[in-house]
Each structure stands twice: as structure tokens, then as C-alpha cells.
């Protein structure tokens, strides 16, 4: 092992940061769409941190709700107590999730990865409870990302985040994912046919599993890995029908897309799909506290309730009263300010519509191959050649360079690599808070344009 360089030594701190190779400014304050660092620099949070903040930074009523709960009761363990705040918020969240989840139940966690782990175990136990003990396999998709814990990583198809942990993860079947900008099939019919061909891969995978498939987990829209890729018409309806016909639970990972981000309460509503299990986090508390949730349908809950009577799973901090209080306050603010509607890009005059219109203006740039998304979750993909759609060399890290150039201009974006094959391919994920104004949208897109032009000249 080589000795750390002087710069690396200077960047070492008591905090084990994500990188030893770059400095991180110290964030000290947030308000609305802005974050300030310790040197007084202001940044427009055009990525919602990591598609987390939906209601805006620095909302006092959320902090007040957390303080009030902490003063009254800071923590109890769920093996001994429930709490009024958890019961009340669970009821509100079931209502928010819609009629399909009427009679269901909510399992609160500390975030997305924990929620995915919970959903995987819940799917397995459901199958055992109904007498399908051989069903244990979870099917997933290539180029997906479901979390950093080993179980969540095993069902993830993100090559870069999996590779060094492959000896530790359980291998699962990963089928193809519709990605119309780079589709492997004929897309001349608005991608309907290709969607059916991708759905047919799921059918074949279930058949190959020979009765051992317990669930299929999917992101209604891709998150960071592909950058807000939306499914082709009919695709989600097809996979839902296939799962139902084969007795495989449909698990929607809405960690990133849920809680209003796409202009619907949950993204599956765009396509009229009703999953058996729905996973959410990020916007659930808008970042004010660590919080995730697994929303289970009545079918799943009843199987355990009338079967063994106990879900064999738990975390010390699940349904933490202070975190749950934050989530409840966030949902109430979302409803009072009608922020889900504000995120709707299909309605004129909304923040979502303004964002999508502004981003579309980037298509004339030589380095911009595609602009996509729904609501306040959008992606901008970069290419070295528009005609061939060939990506920049991975070692160039074009998206990272654009992200740095944006940061120098006071704009925070979410740069990612690997959208083409897991290694090559650059894009930005854009996911601002729903309180962003048209003027702020326009300014932010101007900074992206300037950053892309700057990096294209390097």
C-alpha cells in the first residue's frame, strides 16, 4: 500500500467522507432552494441534494414538529410500544398512497436501503405464509439501483456500485430495462412494441426460475443510474399483469420517485399500476430526518396477520418517533401548499412545467444527446457525437466536470456516469425542490448551459 500524498493527508478528517481526493465545503444554512457554505457562498440546490428535498430547506414548522415530539417522547422500541405519531402518520400515508392500499399497513425505516431490505424480506415471508415456501428469488432489472446494503445491492443492476462487492452479494436474475434513447428494439411505434419485448424478458425469467420467484422489484422511472428514464407505453401494465398471473409480488421502488416528485403522489399512478409493495424514502421526510417506509397492500398484510402473526424482521430505530413526526409534518405541508400539483410537468404554470421547458432548451448543445423526465425528476444525457450517440470516454468524467463547473457558478446538480453500459455514459440528474420559481429554473439552466460549453472546450 502506497503512502498517502500530501494533498490526501490534508483532506483527511475525523469524518470518513465519500472521497479522500476532493475537498467538501461545509454547509451551514439552508432556506428555500438555497444552501450556504461556511465561506458565505450560496448554491441553488437544483438536485434536491440527491432528489431528497422536496418542500425546500429551512422550513421551521418541520423542525418545530420534531422538537415537540422529542420533548414529549424521543424514543421507544417497537418490540415494546407503538406511538400515536406513528399510528397517525401511517394512516395518513396509506390514504396518500390511494385506494389500492386501503386496509394495508406501513413499516417505517430509516431510509431507502433499509426499506428495500424490508420489502425483500416481506415478499419472501408472504410467499411462505401462503404455502409457497420454495419461492425465494427476487427478480430485478439491469441498470437499476435499489440501495447500498448487501440485500439491496444484490437486486441492483448498477455495475459500478456492485463490482467490488460481487463476492459478497447474492446473484439474482437481472432482465433488460427499457431505455428508449438507446433501445435495443424497434421504437418506430412510440416504443410500445419495445416495451412489450422488454416485458417478455420478465416472463421468461419467471419461467426459468421454475416456481421459485417471490417478487419483482423495479423503479417506475430510473433514478440516478440512468437519469430519469421513463418507461414506454404499456410496459409497466404488462409487467404488472405478468407478475399477477404468475403469483410474483410486484415491488415498486419509489425511494426517489415517490412523495410527489414526478407530479403524482407516487410515480406508478402515471401508468395506473398498483404494486403489492411500495417502497419510499427521500422525499418522505424531505431530508429533515432519516426516514423510509414500506407500504404493504392488504393482501400482503393479511397473509401474515392470519398466518404466523409476526413479521420476522426489525431495526432498532424503525418508526423512530422524531423521524416519523418530521415525515408527518412534511406530508401536511405538501398537502397544504399543493406541492404535488406544483411538480406536475403536464400542467401549465407549475414548477414542473417550467423546469421541463427550460431544460428542453439545452437540446441545441452539441454535447447534449437527450433531455428526459417527468415532474421534478429530469435527466440530461451527454454524448460525444449526437448522430452516433457515442458517449464520452469514461476516464474524461464529462458529467463530473460539468457538475464541478456548475458548483463554481453556485449551482448544485447530481452528475452520474455509466448510463450506457455501467461504465461509460454521462448524465446529470435534476430534482429541485417544488418551491422553485420559474426565474430560478431559468437561471439554473443558464448555468448548466455555460458549464457544458466550458467543459466541451476542454
Protein backbone atom coordinates (compact mmCIF):
# COMPACT_ATOMS: atom_id res chain seq x y z
CA UNK A 1 0.00 0.00 0.00
CA UNK A 2 1.41 3.38 -1.00
CA UNK A 3 1.71 6.28 1.42
CA UNK A 4 -0.98 8.96 1.10
CA UNK A 5 0.05 12.07 -0.80
CA UNK A 6 0.35 15.42 0.93
CA UNK A 7 -2.97 16.54 -0.59
CA UNK A 8 -4.68 13.36 0.62
CA UNK A 9 -3.25 13.92 4.10
CA UNK A 10 -4.59 17.46 4.06
CA UNK A 11 -8.03 16.16 3.07
CA UNK A 12 -8.13 13.59 5.88
CA UNK A 13 -10.58 14.50 8.66
CA UNK A 14 -12.22 12.65 11.56
CA UNK A 15 -15.22 12.09 9.23
CA UNK A 16 -14.86 9.17 6.82
CA UNK A 17 -16.01 11.08 3.78
CA UNK A 18 -17.08 9.73 0.40
CA UNK A 19 -13.78 10.77 -1.15
CA UNK A 20 -10.26 11.47 0.05
CA UNK A 21 -9.46 13.23 -3.21
CA UNK A 22 -11.59 16.35 -3.12
CA UNK A 23 -12.46 18.99 -0.55
CA UNK A 24 -16.04 19.43 0.64
CA UNK A 25 -17.39 22.85 1.60
CA UNK A 26 -19.10 22.94 4.98
CA UNK A 27 -22.83 23.57 4.57
CA UNK A 28 -24.11 25.78 7.38
CA UNK A 29 -27.58 27.01 6.39
CA UNK A 30 -30.47 26.28 4.06
CA UNK A 31 -33.53 28.25 3.03
CA UNK A 32 -35.96 27.51 0.21
CA UNK A 33 -33.97 26.30 -2.80
CA UNK A 34 -30.67 27.63 -1.45
CA UNK A 35 -27.80 26.27 0.68
CA UNK A 36 -24.94 28.38 2.09
CA UNK A 37 -21.46 27.18 2.96
CA UNK A 38 -19.20 28.38 5.75
CA UNK A 39 -17.50 30.92 3.48
CA UNK A 40 -20.80 32.60 2.67
CA UNK A 41 -21.17 31.14 -0.83
CA UNK A 42 -24.76 30.49 -1.91
CA UNK A 43 -25.79 27.48 -4.01
CA UNK A 44 -29.09 26.82 -5.73
CA UNK A 45 -29.96 23.20 -4.90
CA UNK A 46 -31.06 22.05 -8.36
CA UNK A 47 -30.78 18.38 -7.40
CA UNK A 48 -32.64 18.48 -4.09
CA UNK A 49 -29.33 17.23 -2.65
CA UNK A 50 -29.88 13.70 -4.07
CA UNK A 51 -33.54 14.00 -5.08
CA UNK A 52 -34.35 14.29 -1.38
CA UNK A 53 -35.53 17.78 -0.56
CA UNK A 54 -39.00 18.41 -1.98
CA UNK A 55 -40.51 21.10 0.26
CA UNK A 56 -37.46 23.37 0.44
CA UNK A 57 -34.77 23.92 3.03
CA UNK A 58 -35.19 25.62 6.40
CA UNK A 59 -38.93 25.14 6.94
CA UNK A 60 -39.38 25.97 10.59
CA UNK A 61 -42.62 24.06 11.14
CA UNK A 62 -40.87 20.76 10.37
CA UNK A 63 -38.16 21.46 12.93
CA UNK A 64 -40.83 22.55 15.42
CA UNK A 65 -42.71 19.27 14.96
CA UNK A 66 -39.51 17.33 15.61
CA UNK A 67 -38.67 19.36 18.71
CA UNK A 68 -42.18 18.95 20.09
CA UNK A 69 -42.03 15.20 19.62
CA UNK A 70 -38.54 14.93 21.13
CA UNK A 71 -39.64 16.88 24.19
CA UNK A 72 -42.64 14.64 24.66
CA UNK A 73 -41.05 11.28 23.78
CA UNK A 74 -37.76 10.84 21.97
CA UNK A 75 -37.68 7.04 21.50
CA UNK A 76 -39.26 3.73 22.35
CA UNK A 77 -38.55 0.34 20.85
CA UNK A 78 -41.20 -1.11 18.57
CA UNK A 79 -40.99 -4.51 20.28
CA UNK A 80 -42.47 -2.83 23.35
CA UNK A 81 -44.61 0.11 22.19
CA UNK A 82 -46.27 1.80 19.30
CA UNK A 83 -46.67 5.60 19.32
CA UNK A 84 -49.57 7.88 18.43
CA UNK A 85 -47.43 9.74 15.88
CA UNK A 86 -46.52 6.52 14.05
CA UNK A 87 -50.13 5.28 14.01
CA UNK A 88 -51.45 8.62 12.77
CA UNK A 89 -48.80 9.11 10.11
CA UNK A 90 -49.21 5.54 8.85
CA UNK A 91 -52.94 6.15 8.36
CA UNK A 92 -52.23 9.42 6.52
CA UNK A 93 -49.61 7.74 4.33
CA UNK A 94 -51.94 4.89 3.39
CA UNK A 95 -54.53 7.47 2.37
CA UNK A 96 -51.87 9.30 0.34
CA UNK A 97 -50.93 6.03 -1.41
CA UNK A 98 -54.50 5.58 -2.64
CA UNK A 99 -57.35 3.11 -2.65
CA UNK A 100 -55.21 0.12 -3.58
CA UNK A 101 -53.53 0.27 -0.18
CA UNK A 102 -56.73 0.61 1.81
CA UNK A 103 -56.54 -1.92 4.64
CA UNK A 104 -52.78 -2.25 4.21
CA UNK A 105 -50.03 -1.24 6.62
CA UNK A 106 -46.82 0.79 6.77
CA UNK A 107 -43.42 -0.28 8.08
CA UNK A 108 -41.22 2.74 8.87
CA UNK A 109 -37.43 2.57 8.47
CA UNK A 110 -34.50 4.99 8.49
CA UNK A 111 -34.15 5.26 4.72
CA UNK A 112 -34.29 3.75 1.27
CA UNK A 113 -31.83 0.88 1.64
CA UNK A 114 -33.48 -0.31 4.84
CA UNK A 115 -36.85 -0.07 3.15
CA UNK A 116 -35.73 -2.20 0.21
CA UNK A 117 -34.26 -4.80 2.60
CA UNK A 118 -37.60 -4.84 4.40
CA UNK A 119 -39.56 -5.24 1.17
CA UNK A 120 -37.41 -8.18 0.05
CA UNK A 121 -37.92 -9.99 3.34
CA UNK A 122 -41.61 -9.15 3.33
CA UNK A 123 -42.00 -10.66 -0.14
CA UNK A 124 -40.28 -13.85 0.97
CA UNK A 125 -42.35 -14.17 4.14
CA UNK A 126 -45.57 -13.54 2.25
CA UNK A 127 -44.84 -16.48 -0.02
CA UNK A 128 -44.03 -18.71 2.95
CA UNK A 129 -47.23 -17.66 4.73
CA UNK A 130 -49.41 -18.64 1.77
CA UNK A 131 -47.70 -22.01 1.43
CA UNK A 132 -45.27 -21.15 -1.39
CA UNK A 133 -42.13 -21.97 0.58
CA UNK A 134 -39.97 -22.63 -2.47
CA UNK A 135 -40.44 -19.05 -3.66
CA UNK A 136 -37.39 -17.04 -2.60
CA UNK A 137 -35.88 -15.46 -5.71
CA UNK A 138 -36.21 -11.74 -6.33
CA UNK A 139 -36.03 -10.65 -9.95
CA UNK A 140 -34.75 -7.22 -10.93
CA UNK A 141 -33.50 -5.18 -13.89
CA UNK A 142 -30.15 -4.22 -15.34
CA UNK A 143 -29.03 -0.64 -14.75
CA UNK A 144 -31.23 -0.34 -11.66
CA UNK A 145 -30.22 0.87 -8.22
CA UNK A 146 -32.04 -0.14 -5.06
CA UNK A 147 -29.67 0.64 -2.20
CA UNK A 148 -26.28 0.10 -0.59
CA UNK A 149 -26.95 -2.72 1.89
CA UNK A 150 -25.95 -6.15 0.62
CA UNK A 151 -29.52 -7.31 0.01
CA UNK A 152 -30.46 -4.11 -1.80
CA UNK A 153 -27.19 -4.22 -3.74
CA UNK A 154 -27.86 -7.79 -4.84
CA UNK A 155 -31.05 -6.74 -6.63
CA UNK A 156 -29.41 -3.61 -8.03
CA UNK A 157 -28.09 -3.64 -11.58
CA UNK A 158 -25.74 -0.68 -11.18
CA UNK A 159 -22.43 -2.16 -12.33
CA UNK A 160 -20.14 0.43 -10.78
CA UNK A 161 -21.68 0.27 -7.31
CA UNK A 162 -21.76 -3.54 -7.31
CA UNK A 163 -18.42 -4.58 -8.74
CA UNK A 164 -16.10 -4.68 -5.71
CA UNK A 165 -18.79 -6.29 -3.56
CA UNK A 166 -19.73 -9.05 -6.01
CA UNK A 167 -18.08 -11.81 -3.92
CA UNK A 168 -20.37 -10.77 -1.04
CA UNK A 169 -23.72 -10.36 -2.77
CA UNK A 170 -26.28 -12.95 -3.74
CA UNK A 171 -26.69 -13.06 -7.51
CA UNK A 172 -30.20 -12.55 -8.84
CA UNK A 173 -31.67 -12.50 -12.34
CA UNK A 174 -31.43 -9.04 -13.92
CA UNK A 175 -33.56 -8.55 -17.02
CA UNK A 176 -33.27 -5.77 -19.61
CA UNK A 177 -34.61 -2.30 -18.88
CA UNK A 178 -36.42 -0.09 -21.43
CA UNK A 179 -34.23 2.88 -22.32
CA UNK A 180 -35.73 4.33 -25.46
CA UNK A 181 -32.86 6.71 -26.24
CA UNK A 182 -30.63 3.64 -26.54
CA UNK A 183 -33.24 0.98 -27.25
CA UNK A 184 -32.22 -2.50 -28.43
CA UNK A 185 -35.51 -2.90 -30.32
CA UNK A 186 -37.60 -1.08 -32.92
CA UNK A 187 -39.00 2.17 -31.49
CA UNK A 188 -40.90 3.46 -34.53
CA UNK A 189 -44.27 2.90 -32.81
CA UNK A 190 -43.56 5.30 -29.90
CA UNK A 191 -41.76 2.43 -28.16
CA UNK A 192 -44.91 0.38 -27.42
CA UNK A 193 -43.54 -2.73 -29.12
CA UNK A 194 -40.14 -2.49 -27.44
CA UNK A 195 -41.88 -2.18 -24.08
CA UNK A 196 -43.67 -5.46 -24.70
CA UNK A 197 -40.42 -7.12 -25.73
CA UNK A 198 -38.73 -6.00 -22.52
CA UNK A 199 -41.74 -7.20 -20.53
CA UNK A 200 -41.44 -10.59 -22.23
CA UNK A 201 -37.98 -10.90 -20.65
CA UNK A 202 -39.67 -10.87 -17.24
CA UNK A 203 -41.99 -13.68 -18.29
CA UNK A 204 -39.04 -15.76 -19.43
CA UNK A 205 -37.11 -15.07 -16.23
CA UNK A 206 -40.07 -16.17 -14.12
CA UNK A 207 -40.38 -19.35 -16.15
CA UNK A 208 -36.65 -20.01 -15.82
CA UNK A 209 -36.99 -19.66 -12.03
CA UNK A 210 -39.25 -22.76 -12.09
CA UNK A 211 -41.68 -21.61 -9.44
CA UNK A 212 -39.06 -20.05 -7.16
CA UNK A 213 -39.69 -16.36 -8.00
CA UNK A 214 -41.08 -14.48 -5.00
CA UNK A 215 -41.06 -10.89 -6.26
CA UNK A 216 -40.00 -8.48 -8.98
CA UNK A 217 -38.58 -5.12 -7.91
CA UNK A 218 -38.50 -2.15 -10.29
CA UNK A 219 -38.19 1.63 -10.36
CA UNK A 220 -41.20 3.16 -12.19
CA UNK A 221 -38.71 5.74 -13.51
CA UNK A 222 -35.00 5.13 -13.31
CA UNK A 223 -33.20 7.14 -10.68
CA UNK A 224 -29.54 8.12 -10.60
CA UNK A 225 -28.22 5.19 -12.67
CA UNK A 226 -29.92 6.12 -15.95
CA UNK A 227 -31.18 9.59 -15.10
CA UNK A 228 -34.98 9.82 -15.16
CA UNK A 229 -35.67 7.35 -17.97
CA UNK A 230 -39.44 6.89 -18.29
CA UNK A 231 -40.97 3.55 -19.34
CA UNK A 232 -42.53 3.12 -22.79
CA UNK A 233 -46.35 2.96 -23.09
CA UNK A 234 -47.85 -0.29 -21.88
CA UNK A 235 -44.65 -1.63 -20.31
CA UNK A 236 -45.50 -1.26 -16.62
CA UNK A 237 -49.02 -2.53 -17.21
CA UNK A 238 -47.54 -5.60 -18.92
CA UNK A 239 -45.11 -6.45 -16.11
CA UNK A 240 -47.89 -5.98 -13.53
CA UNK A 241 -50.09 -8.44 -15.41
CA UNK A 242 -47.24 -10.95 -15.76
CA UNK A 243 -46.45 -10.82 -12.03
CA UNK A 244 -50.09 -11.23 -11.06
CA UNK A 245 -50.56 -14.17 -13.41
CA UNK A 246 -47.51 -15.98 -12.03
CA UNK A 247 -48.06 -15.24 -8.33
CA UNK A 248 -44.99 -12.98 -8.14
CA UNK A 249 -45.24 -9.90 -5.92
CA UNK A 250 -44.79 -6.58 -7.70
CA UNK A 251 -42.48 -4.31 -5.67
CA UNK A 252 -42.26 -0.65 -6.73
CA UNK A 253 -39.10 1.11 -5.58
CA UNK A 254 -40.22 4.72 -5.24
CA UNK A 255 -37.44 5.82 -2.93
CA UNK A 256 -36.62 8.59 -5.40
CA UNK A 257 -39.83 8.94 -7.43
CA UNK A 258 -42.36 8.88 -4.62
CA UNK A 259 -43.94 11.56 -2.44
CA UNK A 260 -44.88 13.91 -5.26
CA UNK A 261 -41.55 14.10 -7.07
CA UNK A 262 -42.99 13.25 -10.52
CA UNK A 263 -46.20 15.27 -10.17
CA UNK A 264 -48.22 12.38 -8.75
CA UNK A 265 -48.34 11.11 -5.19
CA UNK A 266 -46.40 8.10 -6.46
CA UNK A 267 -45.00 7.64 -9.96
CA UNK A 268 -46.88 4.38 -10.62
CA UNK A 269 -50.05 6.48 -10.83
CA UNK A 270 -48.88 7.84 -14.21
CA UNK A 271 -49.40 4.35 -15.63
CA UNK A 272 -52.27 3.09 -13.48
CA UNK A 273 -50.19 0.33 -11.88
CA UNK A 274 -50.96 -0.95 -8.38
CA UNK A 275 -47.96 -2.73 -6.78
CA UNK A 276 -48.27 -5.23 -3.95
CA UNK A 277 -45.49 -3.47 -2.04
CA UNK A 278 -44.38 0.14 -2.45
CA UNK A 279 -41.07 1.42 -1.09
CA UNK A 280 -40.45 5.10 -0.42
CA UNK A 281 -37.96 7.36 1.38
CA UNK A 282 -36.03 10.55 0.44
CA UNK A 283 -38.97 12.95 -0.08
CA UNK A 284 -40.89 11.18 2.69
CA UNK A 285 -39.16 13.45 5.20
CA UNK A 286 -37.68 15.80 2.59
CA UNK A 287 -34.33 15.22 4.29
CA UNK A 288 -35.34 16.68 7.64
CA UNK A 289 -34.78 13.32 9.35
CA UNK A 290 -33.69 9.80 8.30
CA UNK A 291 -36.94 8.12 7.23
CA UNK A 292 -38.18 5.48 4.84
CA UNK A 293 -41.33 3.40 4.56
CA UNK A 294 -42.61 0.15 3.11
CA UNK A 295 -46.30 0.36 2.23
CA UNK A 296 -47.82 -3.11 2.00
CA UNK A 297 -51.18 -3.92 0.42
CA UNK A 298 -53.95 -5.63 2.35
CA UNK A 299 -53.20 -8.91 0.57
CA UNK A 300 -49.65 -8.97 1.90
CA UNK A 301 -50.56 -7.81 5.41
CA UNK A 302 -53.43 -10.27 5.78
CA UNK A 303 -51.25 -13.21 4.78
CA UNK A 304 -49.01 -12.59 7.79
CA UNK A 305 -51.77 -11.46 10.15
CA UNK A 306 -53.83 -14.65 9.71
CA UNK A 307 -50.74 -16.83 9.28
CA UNK A 308 -47.82 -16.78 11.69
CA UNK A 309 -48.96 -13.42 13.07
CA UNK A 310 -45.49 -11.84 13.17
CA UNK A 311 -43.19 -10.21 10.62
CA UNK A 312 -39.74 -11.70 11.29
CA UNK A 313 -37.72 -8.56 10.80
CA UNK A 314 -36.80 -5.38 12.65
CA UNK A 315 -34.45 -2.44 13.14
CA UNK A 316 -33.68 -0.68 16.40
CA UNK A 317 -34.78 2.66 15.02
CA UNK A 318 -37.74 1.71 12.83
CA UNK A 319 -40.70 4.05 13.40
CA UNK A 320 -38.46 6.43 15.36
CA UNK A 321 -40.87 8.99 16.85
CA UNK A 322 -38.86 12.09 15.92
CA UNK A 323 -38.30 10.97 12.33
CA UNK A 324 -41.93 9.97 11.94
CA UNK A 325 -43.00 13.36 13.30
CA UNK A 326 -40.84 15.00 10.64
CA UNK A 327 -42.44 12.92 7.90
CA UNK A 328 -45.93 13.69 9.11
CA UNK A 329 -45.20 17.42 9.16
CA UNK A 330 -43.69 17.23 5.66
CA UNK A 331 -46.75 15.48 4.24
CA UNK A 332 -49.06 18.05 5.79
CA UNK A 333 -47.03 20.88 4.28
CA UNK A 334 -47.02 19.17 0.89
CA UNK A 335 -50.79 18.98 1.02
CA UNK A 336 -51.38 22.49 2.33
CA UNK A 337 -49.16 24.07 -0.36
CA UNK A 338 -50.34 21.63 -3.08
CA UNK A 339 -46.75 20.77 -3.91
CA UNK A 340 -47.60 17.57 -5.78
CA UNK A 341 -49.51 19.68 -8.28
CA UNK A 342 -46.60 22.14 -8.35
CA UNK A 343 -44.36 19.28 -9.50
CA UNK A 344 -46.71 18.23 -12.31
CA UNK A 345 -44.94 18.91 -15.61
CA UNK A 346 -48.13 18.12 -17.53
CA UNK A 347 -49.92 21.18 -16.08
CA UNK A 348 -49.05 24.63 -17.37
CA UNK A 349 -47.86 27.24 -14.91
CA UNK A 350 -46.28 24.76 -12.49
CA UNK A 351 -42.69 24.42 -11.31
CA UNK A 352 -42.54 21.05 -13.07
CA UNK A 353 -43.68 22.53 -16.36
CA UNK A 354 -41.22 25.42 -16.09
CA UNK A 355 -38.36 23.02 -15.36
CA UNK A 356 -39.11 20.78 -18.31
CA UNK A 357 -39.49 23.71 -20.72
CA UNK A 358 -36.23 25.26 -19.52
CA UNK A 359 -34.25 22.02 -19.80
CA UNK A 360 -35.54 21.38 -23.33
CA UNK A 361 -33.63 24.46 -24.43
CA UNK A 362 -30.37 22.57 -23.84
CA UNK A 363 -31.00 20.21 -26.77
CA UNK A 364 -29.23 22.54 -29.19
CA UNK A 365 -25.90 21.99 -27.43
CA UNK A 366 -23.52 19.64 -29.27
CA UNK A 367 -22.81 17.67 -26.09
CA UNK A 368 -26.47 17.15 -25.09
CA UNK A 369 -27.91 13.95 -26.52
CA UNK A 370 -31.14 13.65 -24.59
CA UNK A 371 -33.34 15.54 -22.13
CA UNK A 372 -35.96 13.46 -20.33
CA UNK A 373 -38.07 13.05 -17.22
CA UNK A 374 -41.36 13.76 -15.53
CA UNK A 375 -42.29 16.37 -12.98
CA UNK A 376 -39.33 17.49 -10.92
CA UNK A 377 -37.17 14.49 -11.81
CA UNK A 378 -35.25 15.03 -15.03
CA UNK A 379 -32.10 13.86 -16.75
CA UNK A 380 -29.72 15.46 -19.23
CA UNK A 381 -27.53 12.94 -21.06
CA UNK A 382 -24.24 13.97 -22.64
CA UNK A 383 -22.72 12.47 -25.78
CA UNK A 384 -19.51 12.95 -27.70
CA UNK A 385 -21.37 12.60 -31.03
CA UNK A 386 -25.08 13.30 -31.45
CA UNK A 387 -25.51 11.27 -34.64
CA UNK A 388 -23.99 8.06 -33.31
CA UNK A 389 -24.94 8.72 -29.66
CA UNK A 390 -21.42 7.64 -28.73
CA UNK A 391 -20.53 8.55 -25.13
CA UNK A 392 -17.51 10.43 -23.89
CA UNK A 393 -14.61 8.23 -22.72
CA UNK A 394 -15.33 7.17 -19.14
CA UNK A 395 -11.96 8.48 -17.95
CA UNK A 396 -12.92 12.00 -19.06
CA UNK A 397 -15.77 12.04 -16.49
CA UNK A 398 -17.63 14.65 -18.50
CA UNK A 399 -20.64 14.75 -16.17
CA UNK A 400 -18.35 15.23 -13.19
CA UNK A 401 -16.61 18.12 -14.93
CA UNK A 402 -19.96 19.73 -15.69
CA UNK A 403 -21.01 19.25 -12.08
CA UNK A 404 -17.86 20.98 -10.85
CA UNK A 405 -18.32 23.84 -13.30
CA UNK A 406 -21.92 24.24 -12.11
CA UNK A 407 -20.79 24.30 -8.48
CA UNK A 408 -18.33 27.08 -9.22
CA UNK A 409 -21.30 29.03 -10.60
CA UNK A 410 -23.35 28.45 -7.45
CA UNK A 411 -25.47 25.57 -8.76
CA UNK A 412 -25.77 22.06 -7.32
CA UNK A 413 -26.55 19.19 -9.74
CA UNK A 414 -26.22 15.41 -9.48
CA UNK A 415 -23.64 14.12 -12.03
CA UNK A 416 -23.51 10.39 -12.81
CA UNK A 417 -21.66 8.01 -15.10
CA UNK A 418 -22.42 4.59 -16.54
CA UNK A 419 -25.79 5.06 -18.23
CA UNK A 420 -24.62 3.35 -21.44
CA UNK A 421 -23.04 0.16 -20.13
CA UNK A 422 -22.45 0.65 -16.43
CA UNK A 423 -19.10 2.38 -17.02
CA UNK A 424 -19.39 4.78 -19.98
CA UNK A 425 -22.15 7.36 -20.39
CA UNK A 426 -22.60 10.69 -18.62
CA UNK A 427 -25.68 12.49 -17.38
CA UNK A 428 -26.99 14.95 -14.82
CA UNK A 429 -29.95 14.21 -12.60
CA UNK A 430 -32.05 17.29 -11.91
CA UNK A 431 -34.52 17.27 -8.99
CA UNK A 432 -35.10 20.69 -7.40
CA UNK A 433 -37.50 21.40 -4.52
CA UNK A 434 -41.11 22.03 -5.58
CA UNK A 435 -40.91 25.62 -4.31
CA UNK A 436 -38.51 26.64 -7.09
CA UNK A 437 -39.66 29.64 -9.15
CA UNK A 438 -39.59 30.00 -12.96
CA UNK A 439 -36.87 32.62 -12.62
CA UNK A 440 -34.73 30.27 -10.53
CA UNK A 441 -35.31 27.48 -13.04
CA UNK A 442 -34.20 29.71 -15.91
CA UNK A 443 -31.09 30.90 -14.06
CA UNK A 444 -30.12 27.33 -13.18
CA UNK A 445 -30.44 26.09 -16.75
CA UNK A 446 -28.35 29.05 -17.96
CA UNK A 447 -25.58 27.91 -15.58
CA UNK A 448 -25.80 24.34 -16.90
CA UNK A 449 -25.54 25.64 -20.46
CA UNK A 450 -22.45 27.69 -19.60
CA UNK A 451 -20.90 24.75 -17.75
CA UNK A 452 -21.48 22.34 -20.66
CA UNK A 453 -19.97 24.81 -23.14
CA UNK A 454 -16.97 25.32 -20.85
CA UNK A 455 -16.36 21.59 -20.44
CA UNK A 456 -16.90 20.91 -24.13
CA UNK A 457 -13.96 23.21 -24.88
CA UNK A 458 -11.59 21.30 -22.57
